[in-house]
Amino acid sequence: MLSKPRPGVWPVLIFTVWTLYVWLNRISNALGNDAISSASKAFSVALSLTVVALAVAAAVVGVRGWSRAWSRAEVLTLRVAAGWAGGLWLVLVPKILIDGRPAGFDGNLAAFKAVHAVLGLISIGLAALVWRSTTRVYAGDESRPAVSAG
């Protein structure tokens, strides 16, 4: 039977699943969009893969830290993953809201912008929860600090 997870593990795992869902869909959409150049596709896929790689690393840290404190390197990994994913959305949401119609998109522009704003806000919120899960304050239990002493 699985032991009870340490505080902060669930936000990491939820962030990971959400981030993989969003960015793997972005890769699929980019590769299937014939209206954008090969260079735009390559950039979009490469950028998305950086987020996917960090999400996978965060998942590994979350699973490994199920019942033990995270090491400093693991905390750094989580903070980089959360900072990169959240930071990208902090740039992308205003860009999407201000810019005109994306290349190859012929649907409802207001709906497109609303959906992407919601995706971004959820991602930013989850990234903030992951960052918070790496602090001693969130752990709340001094016998189980967020970071191991070593």
C-alpha atoms as a PDB file:
ATOM      1  CA  MET A   1       0.000   0.000   0.000  1.00  0.00           C
ATOM      2  CA  LEU A   2       1.199   3.491  -0.819  1.00  0.00           C
ATOM      3  CA  SER A   3       2.228   5.704   2.034  1.00  0.00           C
ATOM      4  CA  LYS A   4       0.630   9.102   2.480  1.00  0.00           C
ATOM      5  CA  PRO A   5       2.405  11.617   0.211  1.00  0.00           C
ATOM      6  CA  ARG A   6       4.444  14.373   1.761  1.00  0.00           C
ATOM      7  CA  PRO A   7       2.972  17.889   1.550  1.00  0.00           C
ATOM      8  CA  GLY A   8       3.461  19.476  -1.846  1.00  0.00           C
ATOM      9  CA  VAL A   9       3.584  16.327  -3.971  1.00  0.00           C
ATOM     10  CA  TRP A  10       0.036  16.590  -5.351  1.00  0.00           C
ATOM     11  CA  PRO A  11       0.511  20.117  -6.750  1.00  0.00           C
ATOM     12  CA  VAL A  12       3.647  18.890  -8.541  1.00  0.00           C
ATOM     13  CA  LEU A  13       1.877  15.899 -10.067  1.00  0.00           C
ATOM     14  CA  ILE A  14      -1.192  17.931 -11.105  1.00  0.00           C
ATOM     15  CA  PHE A  15       1.079  20.617 -12.611  1.00  0.00           C
ATOM     16  CA  THR A  16       2.918  17.906 -14.525  1.00  0.00           C
ATOM     17  CA  VAL A  17      -0.187  16.286 -15.998  1.00  0.00           C
ATOM     18  CA  TRP A  18      -1.690  19.662 -16.941  1.00  0.00           C
ATOM     19  CA  THR A  19       1.550  20.966 -18.445  1.00  0.00           C
ATOM     20  CA  LEU A  20       2.105  17.813 -20.499  1.00  0.00           C
ATOM     21  CA  TYR A  21      -1.495  17.947 -21.760  1.00  0.00           C
ATOM     22  CA  VAL A  22      -1.245  21.605 -22.820  1.00  0.00           C
ATOM     23  CA  TRP A  23       2.187  21.512 -24.419  1.00  0.00           C
ATOM     24  CA  LEU A  24       1.894  18.128 -26.141  1.00  0.00           C
ATOM     25  CA  ASN A  25      -1.320  19.445 -27.695  1.00  0.00           C
ATOM     26  CA  ARG A  26       0.603  22.554 -28.773  1.00  0.00           C
ATOM     27  CA  ILE A  27       3.153  20.349 -30.531  1.00  0.00           C
ATOM     28  CA  SER A  28       0.370  18.429 -32.278  1.00  0.00           C
ATOM     29  CA  ASN A  29      -1.345  21.650 -33.350  1.00  0.00           C
ATOM     30  CA  ALA A  30       1.886  23.167 -34.652  1.00  0.00           C
ATOM     31  CA  LEU A  31       2.821  20.086 -36.657  1.00  0.00           C
ATOM     32  CA  GLY A  32      -0.673  19.916 -38.163  1.00  0.00           C
ATOM     33  CA  ASN A  33      -0.814  23.601 -39.135  1.00  0.00           C
ATOM     34  CA  ASP A  34       0.019  23.907 -42.826  1.00  0.00           C
ATOM     35  CA  ALA A  35      -0.456  27.687 -42.740  1.00  0.00           C
ATOM     36  CA  ILE A  36       2.747  28.348 -40.783  1.00  0.00           C
ATOM     37  CA  SER A  37       6.307  28.130 -42.089  1.00  0.00           C
ATOM     38  CA  SER A  38       8.666  25.278 -41.324  1.00  0.00           C
ATOM     39  CA  ALA A  39      10.750  27.668 -39.217  1.00  0.00           C
ATOM     40  CA  SER A  40       7.676  28.643 -37.161  1.00  0.00           C
ATOM     41  CA  LYS A  41       6.811  24.982 -36.683  1.00  0.00           C
ATOM     42  CA  ALA A  42      10.358  24.170 -35.617  1.00  0.00           C
ATOM     43  CA  PHE A  43      10.432  27.072 -33.141  1.00  0.00           C
ATOM     44  CA  SER A  44       7.036  26.173 -31.686  1.00  0.00           C
ATOM     45  CA  VAL A  45       7.951  22.501 -31.306  1.00  0.00           C
ATOM     46  CA  ALA A  46      11.376  23.279 -29.811  1.00  0.00           C
ATOM     47  CA  LEU A  47       9.910  25.739 -27.297  1.00  0.00           C
ATOM     48  CA  SER A  48       7.173  23.262 -26.375  1.00  0.00           C
ATOM     49  CA  LEU A  49       9.706  20.470 -25.919  1.00  0.00           C
ATOM     50  CA  THR A  50      11.600  22.561 -23.345  1.00  0.00           C
ATOM     51  CA  VAL A  51       8.425  22.790 -21.264  1.00  0.00           C
ATOM     52  CA  VAL A  52       7.664  19.087 -21.767  1.00  0.00           C
ATOM     53  CA  ALA A  53      11.189  18.091 -20.697  1.00  0.00           C
ATOM     54  CA  LEU A  54      10.964  20.191 -17.528  1.00  0.00           C
ATOM     55  CA  ALA A  55       7.487  18.786 -16.774  1.00  0.00           C
ATOM     56  CA  VAL A  56       8.855  15.244 -17.054  1.00  0.00           C
ATOM     57  CA  ALA A  57      11.721  16.196 -14.716  1.00  0.00           C
ATOM     58  CA  ALA A  58       9.170  17.649 -12.259  1.00  0.00           C
ATOM     59  CA  ALA A  59       7.155  14.418 -12.429  1.00  0.00           C
ATOM     60  CA  VAL A  60      10.251  12.404 -11.572  1.00  0.00           C
ATOM     61  CA  VAL A  61      10.946  14.680  -8.595  1.00  0.00           C
ATOM     62  CA  GLY A  62       7.319  14.441  -7.479  1.00  0.00           C
ATOM     63  CA  VAL A  63       7.288  10.656  -7.594  1.00  0.00           C
ATOM     64  CA  ARG A  64      10.708  10.307  -5.961  1.00  0.00           C
ATOM     65  CA  GLY A  65       9.691  12.722  -3.222  1.00  0.00           C
ATOM     66  CA  TRP A  66       6.431  10.939  -2.437  1.00  0.00           C
ATOM     67  CA  SER A  67       7.453  10.151   1.139  1.00  0.00           C
ATOM     68  CA  ARG A  68      10.749  11.942   1.655  1.00  0.00           C
ATOM     69  CA  ALA A  69      12.011  15.513   1.610  1.00  0.00           C
ATOM     70  CA  TRP A  70      13.285  16.912  -1.674  1.00  0.00           C
ATOM     71  CA  SER A  71      16.988  17.585  -2.107  1.00  0.00           C
ATOM     72  CA  ARG A  72      18.194  21.067  -3.028  1.00  0.00           C
ATOM     73  CA  ALA A  73      18.706  19.900  -6.626  1.00  0.00           C
ATOM     74  CA  GLU A  74      15.143  18.570  -6.750  1.00  0.00           C
ATOM     75  CA  VAL A  75      13.765  21.841  -5.381  1.00  0.00           C
ATOM     76  CA  LEU A  76      15.758  23.707  -8.023  1.00  0.00           C
ATOM     77  CA  THR A  77      14.348  21.398 -10.717  1.00  0.00           C
ATOM     78  CA  LEU A  78      10.802  22.090  -9.538  1.00  0.00           C
ATOM     79  CA  ARG A  79      11.391  25.823  -9.405  1.00  0.00           C
ATOM     80  CA  VAL A  80      12.919  25.913 -12.882  1.00  0.00           C
ATOM     81  CA  ALA A  81      10.008  23.881 -14.299  1.00  0.00           C
ATOM     82  CA  ALA A  82       7.407  26.061 -12.584  1.00  0.00           C
ATOM     83  CA  GLY A  83       9.223  29.291 -13.413  1.00  0.00           C
ATOM     84  CA  TRP A  84       9.674  28.408 -17.080  1.00  0.00           C
ATOM     85  CA  ALA A  85       6.105  27.169 -17.634  1.00  0.00           C
ATOM     86  CA  GLY A  86       4.531  29.997 -15.630  1.00  0.00           C
ATOM     87  CA  GLY A  87       6.856  32.601 -17.095  1.00  0.00           C
ATOM     88  CA  LEU A  88       6.065  31.567 -20.647  1.00  0.00           C
ATOM     89  CA  TRP A  89       2.366  32.011 -19.988  1.00  0.00           C
ATOM     90  CA  LEU A  90       3.009  35.417 -18.385  1.00  0.00           C
ATOM     91  CA  VAL A  91       4.430  36.447 -21.765  1.00  0.00           C
ATOM     92  CA  LEU A  92       2.034  34.481 -23.973  1.00  0.00           C
ATOM     93  CA  VAL A  93      -1.300  35.530 -22.452  1.00  0.00           C
ATOM     94  CA  PRO A  94      -0.843  39.281 -23.075  1.00  0.00           C
ATOM     95  CA  LYS A  95       0.634  38.537 -26.523  1.00  0.00           C
ATOM     96  CA  ILE A  96      -2.355  36.376 -27.461  1.00  0.00           C
ATOM     97  CA  LEU A  97      -4.832  38.961 -26.142  1.00  0.00           C
ATOM     98  CA  ILE A  98      -3.176  41.861 -27.985  1.00  0.00           C
ATOM     99  CA  ASP A  99      -2.189  40.220 -31.280  1.00  0.00           C
ATOM    100  CA  GLY A 100      -4.503  39.683 -34.188  1.00  0.00           C
ATOM    101  CA  ARG A 101      -5.556  36.392 -35.726  1.00  0.00           C
ATOM    102  CA  PRO A 102      -2.962  33.574 -35.543  1.00  0.00           C
ATOM    103  CA  ALA A 103      -1.737  32.142 -38.850  1.00  0.00           C
ATOM    104  CA  GLY A 104      -4.053  29.471 -40.188  1.00  0.00           C
ATOM    105  CA  PHE A 105      -6.800  30.165 -37.644  1.00  0.00           C
ATOM    106  CA  ASP A 106     -10.221  30.825 -39.120  1.00  0.00           C
ATOM    107  CA  GLY A 107     -12.409  30.234 -36.056  1.00  0.00           C
ATOM    108  CA  ASN A 108     -13.906  32.553 -33.458  1.00  0.00           C
ATOM    109  CA  LEU A 109     -11.075  34.875 -32.416  1.00  0.00           C
ATOM    110  CA  ALA A 110     -12.710  35.929 -29.130  1.00  0.00           C
ATOM    111  CA  ALA A 111     -13.157  32.271 -28.126  1.00  0.00           C
ATOM    112  CA  PHE A 112      -9.541  31.509 -29.110  1.00  0.00           C
ATOM    113  CA  LYS A 113      -8.295  34.333 -26.912  1.00  0.00           C
ATOM    114  CA  ALA A 114     -10.567  33.383 -24.009  1.00  0.00           C
ATOM    115  CA  VAL A 115      -9.542  29.711 -24.099  1.00  0.00           C
ATOM    116  CA  HIS A 116      -5.847  30.561 -24.208  1.00  0.00           C
ATOM    117  CA  ALA A 117      -6.205  33.116 -21.406  1.00  0.00           C
ATOM    118  CA  VAL A 118      -7.835  30.420 -19.250  1.00  0.00           C
ATOM    119  CA  LEU A 119      -5.148  27.861 -20.179  1.00  0.00           C
ATOM    120  CA  GLY A 120      -2.520  30.415 -19.218  1.00  0.00           C
ATOM    121  CA  LEU A 121      -4.137  31.404 -15.935  1.00  0.00           C
ATOM    122  CA  ILE A 122      -4.527  27.772 -14.867  1.00  0.00           C
ATOM    123  CA  SER A 123      -0.906  27.083 -15.812  1.00  0.00           C
ATOM    124  CA  ILE A 124       0.347  30.137 -13.912  1.00  0.00           C
ATOM    125  CA  GLY A 125      -1.693  29.150 -10.856  1.00  0.00           C
ATOM    126  CA  LEU A 126      -0.382  25.584 -10.899  1.00  0.00           C
ATOM    127  CA  ALA A 127       3.187  26.828 -11.364  1.00  0.00           C
ATOM    128  CA  ALA A 128       2.727  29.086  -8.329  1.00  0.00           C
ATOM    129  CA  LEU A 129       1.471  26.111  -6.282  1.00  0.00           C
ATOM    130  CA  VAL A 130       4.524  24.091  -7.294  1.00  0.00           C
ATOM    131  CA  TRP A 131       6.827  26.943  -6.294  1.00  0.00           C
ATOM    132  CA  ARG A 132       4.987  27.211  -2.982  1.00  0.00           C
ATOM    133  CA  SER A 133       5.329  23.463  -2.417  1.00  0.00           C
ATOM    134  CA  THR A 134       9.107  23.880  -2.361  1.00  0.00           C
ATOM    135  CA  THR A 135       9.057  26.194   0.654  1.00  0.00           C
ATOM    136  CA  ARG A 136       9.265  25.208   4.310  1.00  0.00           C
ATOM    137  CA  VAL A 137       6.236  27.363   5.059  1.00  0.00           C
ATOM    138  CA  TYR A 138       4.017  25.160   2.888  1.00  0.00           C
ATOM    139  CA  ALA A 139       5.338  21.943   4.375  1.00  0.00           C
ATOM    140  CA  GLY A 140       3.837  23.027   7.678  1.00  0.00           C
ATOM    141  CA  ASP A 141       5.414  20.068   9.454  1.00  0.00           C
ATOM    142  CA  GLU A 142       8.897  20.802  10.752  1.00  0.00           C
ATOM    143  CA  SER A 143       9.573  17.071  11.019  1.00  0.00           C
ATOM    144  CA  ARG A 144       9.132  16.885   7.215  1.00  0.00           C
ATOM    145  CA  PRO A 145      10.828  20.014   5.810  1.00  0.00           C
ATOM    146  CA  ALA A 146      10.444  20.835   2.138  1.00  0.00           C
ATOM    147  CA  VAL A 147      14.190  20.501   1.596  1.00  0.00           C
ATOM    148  CA  SER A 148      16.424  17.843   3.062  1.00  0.00           C
ATOM    149  CA  ALA A 149      19.428  19.002   5.055  1.00  0.00           C
ATOM    150  CA  GLY A 150      21.876  17.360   2.644  1.00  0.00           C
END
